[in-house]
N, C-alpha and C. Protein backbone atom coordinates (compact mmCIF):
# COMPACT_ATOMS: atom_id res chain seq x y z
N UNK A 1 -3.91 130.94 2.65
CA UNK A 1 -3.23 131.50 3.80
C UNK A 1 -3.20 130.52 4.97
N UNK A 2 -4.16 129.63 5.05
CA UNK A 2 -4.16 128.65 6.13
C UNK A 2 -3.00 127.67 5.99
N UNK A 3 -2.58 127.45 4.74
CA UNK A 3 -1.46 126.54 4.51
C UNK A 3 -0.19 127.09 5.14
N UNK A 4 0.02 128.40 5.06
CA UNK A 4 1.19 129.02 5.66
C UNK A 4 1.17 128.88 7.17
N UNK A 5 0.02 129.05 7.77
CA UNK A 5 -0.09 128.91 9.22
C UNK A 5 0.21 127.48 9.66
N UNK A 6 -0.31 126.51 8.93
CA UNK A 6 -0.05 125.11 9.26
C UNK A 6 1.43 124.79 9.05
N UNK A 7 2.02 125.31 7.98
CA UNK A 7 3.44 125.06 7.71
C UNK A 7 4.33 125.65 8.80
N UNK A 8 4.04 126.87 9.20
CA UNK A 8 4.83 127.50 10.26
C UNK A 8 4.63 126.77 11.58
N UNK A 9 3.40 126.36 11.88
CA UNK A 9 3.14 125.61 13.12
C UNK A 9 3.91 124.29 13.13
N UNK A 10 3.88 123.56 12.03
CA UNK A 10 4.59 122.28 11.98
C UNK A 10 6.10 122.48 12.06
N UNK A 11 6.61 123.51 11.43
CA UNK A 11 8.05 123.80 11.51
C UNK A 11 8.47 124.11 12.93
N UNK A 12 7.69 124.91 13.62
CA UNK A 12 8.00 125.21 15.02
C UNK A 12 7.87 123.98 15.90
N UNK A 13 6.88 123.15 15.63
CA UNK A 13 6.71 121.93 16.42
C UNK A 13 7.90 120.99 16.23
N UNK A 14 8.37 120.84 14.99
CA UNK A 14 9.54 120.00 14.75
C UNK A 14 10.80 120.59 15.37
N UNK A 15 10.94 121.90 15.35
CA UNK A 15 12.10 122.55 15.96
C UNK A 15 12.12 122.33 17.47
N UNK A 16 10.97 122.47 18.10
CA UNK A 16 10.88 122.25 19.55
C UNK A 16 11.13 120.78 19.87
N UNK A 17 10.57 119.89 19.08
CA UNK A 17 10.79 118.46 19.30
C UNK A 17 12.26 118.11 19.17
N UNK A 18 12.93 118.65 18.15
CA UNK A 18 14.36 118.41 17.97
C UNK A 18 15.14 118.91 19.17
N UNK A 19 14.85 120.12 19.64
CA UNK A 19 15.58 120.68 20.77
C UNK A 19 15.38 119.85 22.03
N UNK A 20 14.15 119.41 22.28
CA UNK A 20 13.88 118.60 23.48
C UNK A 20 14.62 117.27 23.40
N UNK A 21 14.55 116.61 22.26
CA UNK A 21 15.24 115.31 22.13
C UNK A 21 16.75 115.47 22.17
N UNK A 22 17.27 116.55 21.60
CA UNK A 22 18.71 116.80 21.61
C UNK A 22 19.21 116.97 23.04
N UNK A 23 18.55 117.82 23.82
CA UNK A 23 19.00 118.05 25.19
C UNK A 23 18.74 116.85 26.09
N UNK A 24 17.73 116.07 25.82
CA UNK A 24 17.49 114.85 26.59
C UNK A 24 18.59 113.83 26.32
N UNK A 25 19.03 113.73 25.08
CA UNK A 25 20.10 112.79 24.74
C UNK A 25 21.45 113.26 25.30
N UNK A 26 21.66 114.57 25.34
CA UNK A 26 22.91 115.11 25.89
C UNK A 26 23.00 114.86 27.39
N UNK A 27 21.87 114.82 28.09
CA UNK A 27 21.89 114.63 29.54
C UNK A 27 22.12 113.18 29.93
N UNK A 28 22.02 112.25 28.99
CA UNK A 28 22.20 110.83 29.29
C UNK A 28 23.57 110.36 28.84
N UNK A 29 24.61 111.04 29.26
CA UNK A 29 25.97 110.68 28.84
C UNK A 29 26.42 109.35 29.43
N UNK A 30 25.93 108.99 30.58
CA UNK A 30 26.41 107.76 31.23
C UNK A 30 25.89 106.50 30.57
N UNK A 31 24.84 106.60 29.81
CA UNK A 31 24.23 105.43 29.19
C UNK A 31 24.55 105.35 27.70
N UNK A 32 25.82 105.56 27.35
CA UNK A 32 26.20 105.51 25.94
C UNK A 32 26.37 104.06 25.50
N UNK A 33 26.14 103.85 24.24
CA UNK A 33 26.31 102.51 23.70
C UNK A 33 27.72 102.34 23.16
N UNK A 34 28.05 101.12 22.79
CA UNK A 34 29.38 100.83 22.24
C UNK A 34 29.61 101.58 20.94
N UNK A 35 28.56 101.70 20.13
CA UNK A 35 28.71 102.40 18.86
C UNK A 35 29.02 103.87 19.07
N UNK A 36 28.41 104.49 20.07
CA UNK A 36 28.68 105.90 20.34
C UNK A 36 30.10 106.08 20.88
N UNK A 37 30.56 105.16 21.71
CA UNK A 37 31.93 105.24 22.22
C UNK A 37 32.95 105.04 21.10
N UNK A 38 32.62 104.23 20.11
CA UNK A 38 33.54 103.97 19.02
C UNK A 38 33.72 105.21 18.14
N UNK A 39 32.76 106.10 18.14
CA UNK A 39 32.87 107.30 17.32
C UNK A 39 33.64 108.43 18.00
N UNK A 40 33.97 108.28 19.27
CA UNK A 40 34.72 109.30 19.97
C UNK A 40 36.19 109.26 19.52
N UNK A 41 36.85 110.40 19.49
CA UNK A 41 38.27 110.40 19.12
C UNK A 41 39.10 109.72 20.20
N UNK A 42 40.21 109.18 19.81
CA UNK A 42 41.11 108.52 20.76
C UNK A 42 41.95 109.58 21.45
N UNK A 43 41.51 110.01 22.62
CA UNK A 43 42.18 111.08 23.34
C UNK A 43 42.34 110.65 24.79
N UNK A 44 43.59 110.51 25.24
CA UNK A 44 43.86 110.16 26.62
C UNK A 44 43.96 111.39 27.51
N UNK A 45 44.02 112.56 26.90
CA UNK A 45 44.13 113.79 27.68
C UNK A 45 45.58 114.22 27.86
N UNK A 46 46.54 113.33 27.65
CA UNK A 46 47.95 113.66 27.80
C UNK A 46 48.57 113.71 26.41
N UNK A 47 49.13 114.85 26.02
CA UNK A 47 49.74 114.91 24.69
C UNK A 47 51.03 114.09 24.65
N UNK A 48 51.30 113.51 23.52
CA UNK A 48 52.51 112.71 23.35
C UNK A 48 53.72 113.64 23.32
N UNK A 49 54.82 113.21 23.93
CA UNK A 49 56.02 114.06 23.91
C UNK A 49 56.58 114.15 22.49
N UNK A 50 57.16 115.31 22.20
CA UNK A 50 57.74 115.51 20.87
C UNK A 50 59.05 114.72 20.77
N UNK A 51 59.25 114.10 19.63
CA UNK A 51 60.47 113.32 19.43
C UNK A 51 61.60 114.23 18.96
N UNK A 52 62.75 113.97 19.47
CA UNK A 52 63.93 114.74 19.08
C UNK A 52 64.56 114.03 17.88
N UNK A 53 64.51 114.65 16.73
CA UNK A 53 65.06 114.02 15.53
C UNK A 53 66.54 114.39 15.40
N UNK A 54 67.35 113.38 15.55
CA UNK A 54 68.80 113.59 15.38
C UNK A 54 69.22 112.86 14.11
N UNK A 55 70.02 113.52 13.30
CA UNK A 55 70.48 112.85 12.07
C UNK A 55 71.43 111.70 12.37
N UNK A 56 71.26 110.63 11.63
CA UNK A 56 72.15 109.47 11.78
C UNK A 56 73.32 109.65 10.82
N UNK A 57 74.55 109.62 11.39
CA UNK A 57 75.72 109.82 10.52
C UNK A 57 76.59 108.60 10.46
């Protein structure tokens, strides 16, 4: 039964550690590296205008 207590304690410790590190990394948006910027989608915020397709006769 002590093994279950240790397993649950370690699981909770890892979950808390993950949450703390996740939120700490999210708060440091200004210090991103080049690799992190390269993984962002290419979005300028302005959608491209739709092209009018006219048949060529």
